[in-house]
């Protein structure tokens, strides 16, 4: 029987989420923001299956145990990465939600790297 994974958000990741949705509403409208929220939610929900999903990448250049998952999955479009790590034997910790055009290392607190 497999591990039942749960996902926890850091405060910084929650702030990223709110900022992404706010920016999307301002620039593309409420309807598009709702669709993008769904895309983000589906990618996060996929992590409940575990940290090694198809499309997940180990990112040693970002820090020990750091991985990313691009939210563009299952035919949905998106431009953000979920930056996460395994916190313990059954928890995944979302560290940041970052745009794929960003220099990711510059947006992670040094203690996370």
Protein backbone atom coordinates (compact mmCIF):
# COMPACT_ATOMS: atom_id res chain seq x y z
CA UNK A 1 0.00 0.00 0.00
CA UNK A 2 1.37 3.45 -0.95
CA UNK A 3 1.88 6.51 1.17
CA UNK A 4 -0.98 9.00 1.41
CA UNK A 5 0.75 12.30 0.75
CA UNK A 6 -0.54 15.62 1.97
CA UNK A 7 0.52 19.02 0.75
CA UNK A 8 1.38 21.94 3.02
CA UNK A 9 1.88 25.51 1.87
CA UNK A 10 4.47 27.87 3.29
CA UNK A 11 3.30 31.38 4.04
CA UNK A 12 5.42 32.64 1.13
CA UNK A 13 3.75 30.18 -1.29
CA UNK A 14 0.31 31.32 -0.12
CA UNK A 15 1.33 34.93 -0.73
CA UNK A 16 2.60 33.97 -4.20
CA UNK A 17 -0.76 32.35 -4.98
CA UNK A 18 -2.71 35.43 -3.94
CA UNK A 19 -0.41 37.70 -5.97
CA UNK A 20 -0.72 35.52 -9.08
CA UNK A 21 -4.51 35.55 -8.90
CA UNK A 22 -4.63 39.30 -8.21
CA UNK A 23 -2.32 40.01 -11.17
CA UNK A 24 -4.39 37.75 -13.44
CA UNK A 25 -7.63 39.51 -12.47
CA UNK A 26 -6.09 42.92 -13.19
CA UNK A 27 -4.56 41.95 -16.53
CA UNK A 28 -6.95 39.29 -17.89
CA UNK A 29 -10.17 39.52 -15.87
CA UNK A 30 -12.00 37.48 -13.26
CA UNK A 31 -12.99 34.66 -15.62
CA UNK A 32 -9.39 34.00 -16.65
CA UNK A 33 -8.27 34.24 -13.02
CA UNK A 34 -10.79 31.55 -12.10
CA UNK A 35 -9.50 29.28 -14.87
CA UNK A 36 -5.91 29.87 -13.78
CA UNK A 37 -6.80 29.13 -10.15
CA UNK A 38 -8.22 25.81 -11.34
CA UNK A 39 -5.02 25.06 -13.25
CA UNK A 40 -2.93 25.80 -10.16
CA UNK A 41 -5.24 23.72 -7.96
CA UNK A 42 -5.05 20.72 -10.30
CA UNK A 43 -1.25 20.83 -10.30
CA UNK A 44 -1.15 21.07 -6.50
CA UNK A 45 -3.69 18.24 -6.17
CA UNK A 46 -1.49 16.06 -8.38
CA UNK A 47 1.21 16.28 -5.67
CA UNK A 48 -1.08 14.28 -3.38
CA UNK A 49 0.06 11.28 -5.46
CA UNK A 50 3.62 11.85 -4.30
CA UNK A 51 6.69 13.89 -5.08
CA UNK A 52 7.84 11.96 -8.15
CA UNK A 53 5.09 12.60 -10.67
CA UNK A 54 5.73 12.64 -14.39
CA UNK A 55 6.96 16.14 -15.18
CA UNK A 56 8.51 16.77 -11.76
CA UNK A 57 12.18 17.68 -11.82
CA UNK A 58 14.79 17.37 -9.12
CA UNK A 59 16.56 20.73 -8.89
CA UNK A 60 19.84 20.33 -6.98
CA UNK A 61 21.00 23.74 -8.24
CA UNK A 62 18.18 25.26 -6.15
CA UNK A 63 19.01 23.33 -2.98
CA UNK A 64 19.01 19.91 -1.44
CA UNK A 65 15.74 18.09 -2.01
CA UNK A 66 14.16 20.89 -4.05
CA UNK A 67 11.91 19.90 -6.94
CA UNK A 68 9.69 21.71 -9.40
CA UNK A 69 6.48 20.90 -11.19
CA UNK A 70 5.30 23.07 -14.05
CA UNK A 71 1.57 23.77 -13.76
CA UNK A 72 0.98 23.36 -17.52
CA UNK A 73 -0.36 19.81 -17.38
CA UNK A 74 -3.18 17.79 -18.86
CA UNK A 75 -3.76 20.18 -21.75
CA UNK A 76 -3.95 23.22 -19.50
CA UNK A 77 -1.76 26.22 -20.11
CA UNK A 78 0.21 28.00 -17.43
CA UNK A 79 3.48 29.79 -16.84
CA UNK A 80 4.32 28.93 -13.22
CA UNK A 81 6.38 26.37 -11.37
CA UNK A 82 5.45 24.85 -8.05
CA UNK A 83 8.71 24.76 -6.10
CA UNK A 84 8.52 22.11 -3.38
CA UNK A 85 10.33 19.58 -1.24
CA UNK A 86 9.49 16.47 0.71
CA UNK A 87 9.07 17.61 4.31
CA UNK A 88 8.84 14.13 5.82
CA UNK A 89 7.58 10.65 4.96
CA UNK A 90 4.07 11.82 4.07
CA UNK A 91 4.16 15.60 3.55
CA UNK A 92 5.12 17.74 0.60
CA UNK A 93 5.88 21.37 1.36
CA UNK A 94 5.17 23.97 -1.32
CA UNK A 95 7.87 26.60 -0.96
CA UNK A 96 7.01 29.02 -3.79
CA UNK A 97 4.90 29.50 -6.91
CA UNK A 98 7.19 31.20 -9.41
CA UNK A 99 6.78 32.32 -13.01
CA UNK A 100 8.77 30.21 -15.44
CA UNK A 101 10.61 33.27 -16.78
CA UNK A 102 12.10 34.01 -13.34
CA UNK A 103 15.57 33.10 -12.15
CA UNK A 104 14.26 30.60 -9.59
CA UNK A 105 17.32 30.52 -7.32
CA UNK A 106 17.08 34.25 -6.73
CA UNK A 107 13.61 33.84 -5.25
CA UNK A 108 14.37 31.13 -2.69
CA UNK A 109 15.49 32.00 0.83
CA UNK A 110 19.11 30.83 1.26
CA UNK A 111 18.11 28.50 4.13
CA UNK A 112 15.86 26.60 1.70
CA UNK A 113 18.76 25.98 -0.69
